[in-house]
């Protein structure tokens, strides 16, 4: 299993401060911390079992509140007040990733 486009960008720019945006308007600033392989919590013999790569992301600041509270990341960051959040294409991916200076590094493709 290889890295998908989101994980490749987060890994490549892991030393940089990044801004992540979601469709619901949530925007956070932070840095990737750890890249790891995980799964969706089902038994490995389950037909819906999925392994995927994710990045633990350190949330330094919430720069824009969501227009509506939906999605796992929104719940985790806003409602729970956690400074770490798991970022992946599998579960509630961001719509875009930017360097802190505004340079767009990645955008969610509808095929991913």
C-alpha atoms as a PDB file:
ATOM      1  CA  UNK A   1       0.000   0.000   0.000  1.00  0.00           C
ATOM      2  CA  UNK A   2       1.503   3.305  -1.081  1.00  0.00           C
ATOM      3  CA  UNK A   3       0.906   6.815   0.146  1.00  0.00           C
ATOM      4  CA  UNK A   4      -2.006   8.682  -1.413  1.00  0.00           C
ATOM      5  CA  UNK A   5      -1.616  12.274  -2.634  1.00  0.00           C
ATOM      6  CA  UNK A   6      -2.679  13.868   0.683  1.00  0.00           C
ATOM      7  CA  UNK A   7      -0.288  11.781   2.775  1.00  0.00           C
ATOM      8  CA  UNK A   8       2.551  12.467   0.305  1.00  0.00           C
ATOM      9  CA  UNK A   9       2.060  16.240   0.721  1.00  0.00           C
ATOM     10  CA  UNK A  10       1.762  16.099   4.507  1.00  0.00           C
ATOM     11  CA  UNK A  11       4.896  13.947   4.647  1.00  0.00           C
ATOM     12  CA  UNK A  12       6.866  16.144   2.231  1.00  0.00           C
ATOM     13  CA  UNK A  13       5.982  19.392   4.021  1.00  0.00           C
ATOM     14  CA  UNK A  14       5.986  17.963   7.536  1.00  0.00           C
ATOM     15  CA  UNK A  15       8.549  20.484   8.787  1.00  0.00           C
ATOM     16  CA  UNK A  16       6.370  23.407   7.680  1.00  0.00           C
ATOM     17  CA  UNK A  17       3.405  25.066   9.304  1.00  0.00           C
ATOM     18  CA  UNK A  18       0.348  24.236   7.205  1.00  0.00           C
ATOM     19  CA  UNK A  19      -3.218  25.494   6.880  1.00  0.00           C
ATOM     20  CA  UNK A  20      -5.907  22.867   6.287  1.00  0.00           C
ATOM     21  CA  UNK A  21      -9.430  23.728   5.108  1.00  0.00           C
ATOM     22  CA  UNK A  22     -12.628  21.669   5.059  1.00  0.00           C
ATOM     23  CA  UNK A  23     -15.814  22.080   3.011  1.00  0.00           C
ATOM     24  CA  UNK A  24     -17.742  23.127   6.135  1.00  0.00           C
ATOM     25  CA  UNK A  25     -15.482  26.193   6.507  1.00  0.00           C
ATOM     26  CA  UNK A  26     -13.221  24.866   9.274  1.00  0.00           C
ATOM     27  CA  UNK A  27      -9.629  26.081   8.884  1.00  0.00           C
ATOM     28  CA  UNK A  28      -6.779  25.067  11.153  1.00  0.00           C
ATOM     29  CA  UNK A  29      -3.066  25.888  11.302  1.00  0.00           C
ATOM     30  CA  UNK A  30      -0.554  23.386  12.562  1.00  0.00           C
ATOM     31  CA  UNK A  31       2.134  20.877  11.712  1.00  0.00           C
ATOM     32  CA  UNK A  32       2.172  17.204  10.819  1.00  0.00           C
ATOM     33  CA  UNK A  33       3.646  15.181  13.677  1.00  0.00           C
ATOM     34  CA  UNK A  34       3.600  11.445  12.919  1.00  0.00           C
ATOM     35  CA  UNK A  35       2.722   9.380   9.874  1.00  0.00           C
ATOM     36  CA  UNK A  36       1.326   5.932  10.578  1.00  0.00           C
ATOM     37  CA  UNK A  37      -0.650   3.043   9.160  1.00  0.00           C
ATOM     38  CA  UNK A  38      -4.055   2.427  10.711  1.00  0.00           C
ATOM     39  CA  UNK A  39      -7.410   0.833   9.896  1.00  0.00           C
ATOM     40  CA  UNK A  40     -11.120   1.496  10.194  1.00  0.00           C
ATOM     41  CA  UNK A  41     -11.510  -0.618  13.343  1.00  0.00           C
ATOM     42  CA  UNK A  42     -13.235  -3.585  11.746  1.00  0.00           C
ATOM     43  CA  UNK A  43     -11.940  -7.138  11.980  1.00  0.00           C
ATOM     44  CA  UNK A  44      -9.456  -7.894   9.193  1.00  0.00           C
ATOM     45  CA  UNK A  45     -11.695 -10.663   7.808  1.00  0.00           C
ATOM     46  CA  UNK A  46     -14.632  -8.214   7.438  1.00  0.00           C
ATOM     47  CA  UNK A  47     -15.392  -7.347   3.800  1.00  0.00           C
ATOM     48  CA  UNK A  48     -15.441  -3.626   4.726  1.00  0.00           C
ATOM     49  CA  UNK A  49     -12.078  -3.703   6.522  1.00  0.00           C
ATOM     50  CA  UNK A  50      -9.730  -0.978   5.244  1.00  0.00           C
ATOM     51  CA  UNK A  51      -6.109  -0.143   6.043  1.00  0.00           C
ATOM     52  CA  UNK A  52      -4.878   3.347   5.291  1.00  0.00           C
ATOM     53  CA  UNK A  53      -2.181   5.878   6.109  1.00  0.00           C
ATOM     54  CA  UNK A  54      -2.904   8.818   8.369  1.00  0.00           C
ATOM     55  CA  UNK A  55      -1.004  11.717   9.904  1.00  0.00           C
ATOM     56  CA  UNK A  56      -1.302  12.947  13.467  1.00  0.00           C
ATOM     57  CA  UNK A  57      -1.600  16.707  13.024  1.00  0.00           C
ATOM     58  CA  UNK A  58      -0.800  19.170  15.811  1.00  0.00           C
ATOM     59  CA  UNK A  59      -3.454  21.900  15.791  1.00  0.00           C
ATOM     60  CA  UNK A  60      -1.869  25.214  16.778  1.00  0.00           C
ATOM     61  CA  UNK A  61      -4.845  27.455  16.008  1.00  0.00           C
ATOM     62  CA  UNK A  62      -8.363  27.400  14.616  1.00  0.00           C
ATOM     63  CA  UNK A  63      -8.431  30.278  12.156  1.00  0.00           C
ATOM     64  CA  UNK A  64     -11.989  29.831  10.870  1.00  0.00           C
ATOM     65  CA  UNK A  65     -14.953  28.213  12.575  1.00  0.00           C
ATOM     66  CA  UNK A  66     -17.122  25.882  10.505  1.00  0.00           C
ATOM     67  CA  UNK A  67     -20.401  27.164   9.094  1.00  0.00           C
ATOM     68  CA  UNK A  68     -22.018  23.970  10.348  1.00  0.00           C
ATOM     69  CA  UNK A  69     -20.662  21.415  12.806  1.00  0.00           C
ATOM     70  CA  UNK A  70     -20.361  18.219  10.883  1.00  0.00           C
ATOM     71  CA  UNK A  71     -17.553  15.773  10.334  1.00  0.00           C
ATOM     72  CA  UNK A  72     -15.209  13.880  12.592  1.00  0.00           C
ATOM     73  CA  UNK A  73     -12.422  16.480  12.463  1.00  0.00           C
ATOM     74  CA  UNK A  74     -14.788  19.305  13.355  1.00  0.00           C
ATOM     75  CA  UNK A  75     -16.141  17.335  16.315  1.00  0.00           C
ATOM     76  CA  UNK A  76     -12.665  16.424  17.489  1.00  0.00           C
ATOM     77  CA  UNK A  77     -11.092  19.884  17.215  1.00  0.00           C
ATOM     78  CA  UNK A  78     -13.999  22.218  18.031  1.00  0.00           C
ATOM     79  CA  UNK A  79     -16.158  20.285  20.445  1.00  0.00           C
ATOM     80  CA  UNK A  80     -13.512  18.200  22.203  1.00  0.00           C
ATOM     81  CA  UNK A  81     -10.830  20.915  22.165  1.00  0.00           C
ATOM     82  CA  UNK A  82      -8.072  18.518  21.168  1.00  0.00           C
ATOM     83  CA  UNK A  83      -4.733  19.732  19.900  1.00  0.00           C
ATOM     84  CA  UNK A  84      -4.105  16.593  17.805  1.00  0.00           C
ATOM     85  CA  UNK A  85      -6.291  15.337  15.010  1.00  0.00           C
ATOM     86  CA  UNK A  86      -5.939  12.421  12.598  1.00  0.00           C
ATOM     87  CA  UNK A  87      -5.790  13.502   8.954  1.00  0.00           C
ATOM     88  CA  UNK A  88      -6.420  11.002   6.164  1.00  0.00           C
ATOM     89  CA  UNK A  89      -8.270  10.589   2.895  1.00  0.00           C
ATOM     90  CA  UNK A  90     -10.299   7.801   4.472  1.00  0.00           C
ATOM     91  CA  UNK A  91     -12.291   9.737   7.080  1.00  0.00           C
ATOM     92  CA  UNK A  92     -13.278  13.417   6.728  1.00  0.00           C
ATOM     93  CA  UNK A  93     -10.378  14.634   4.579  1.00  0.00           C
ATOM     94  CA  UNK A  94      -9.641  18.343   4.174  1.00  0.00           C
ATOM     95  CA  UNK A  95     -10.599  19.990   0.894  1.00  0.00           C
ATOM     96  CA  UNK A  96      -7.233  21.742   0.595  1.00  0.00           C
ATOM     97  CA  UNK A  97      -3.792  22.080   2.169  1.00  0.00           C
ATOM     98  CA  UNK A  98      -1.771  25.305   2.058  1.00  0.00           C
ATOM     99  CA  UNK A  99       1.554  26.511   3.345  1.00  0.00           C
ATOM    100  CA  UNK A 100       1.063  29.143   6.034  1.00  0.00           C
ATOM    101  CA  UNK A 101       1.930  31.836   3.431  1.00  0.00           C
ATOM    102  CA  UNK A 102      -1.076  30.807   1.318  1.00  0.00           C
ATOM    103  CA  UNK A 103       0.609  28.670  -1.365  1.00  0.00           C
ATOM    104  CA  UNK A 104      -1.763  25.830  -2.255  1.00  0.00           C
ATOM    105  CA  UNK A 105      -0.059  22.436  -2.001  1.00  0.00           C
ATOM    106  CA  UNK A 106      -2.960  20.033  -2.437  1.00  0.00           C
ATOM    107  CA  UNK A 107      -6.666  19.951  -3.280  1.00  0.00           C
ATOM    108  CA  UNK A 108      -9.130  17.115  -2.803  1.00  0.00           C
ATOM    109  CA  UNK A 109      -9.831  15.365  -6.093  1.00  0.00           C
ATOM    110  CA  UNK A 110     -13.318  13.944  -6.444  1.00  0.00           C
ATOM    111  CA  UNK A 111     -11.728  10.668  -7.637  1.00  0.00           C
ATOM    112  CA  UNK A 112      -9.845  10.101  -4.350  1.00  0.00           C
END
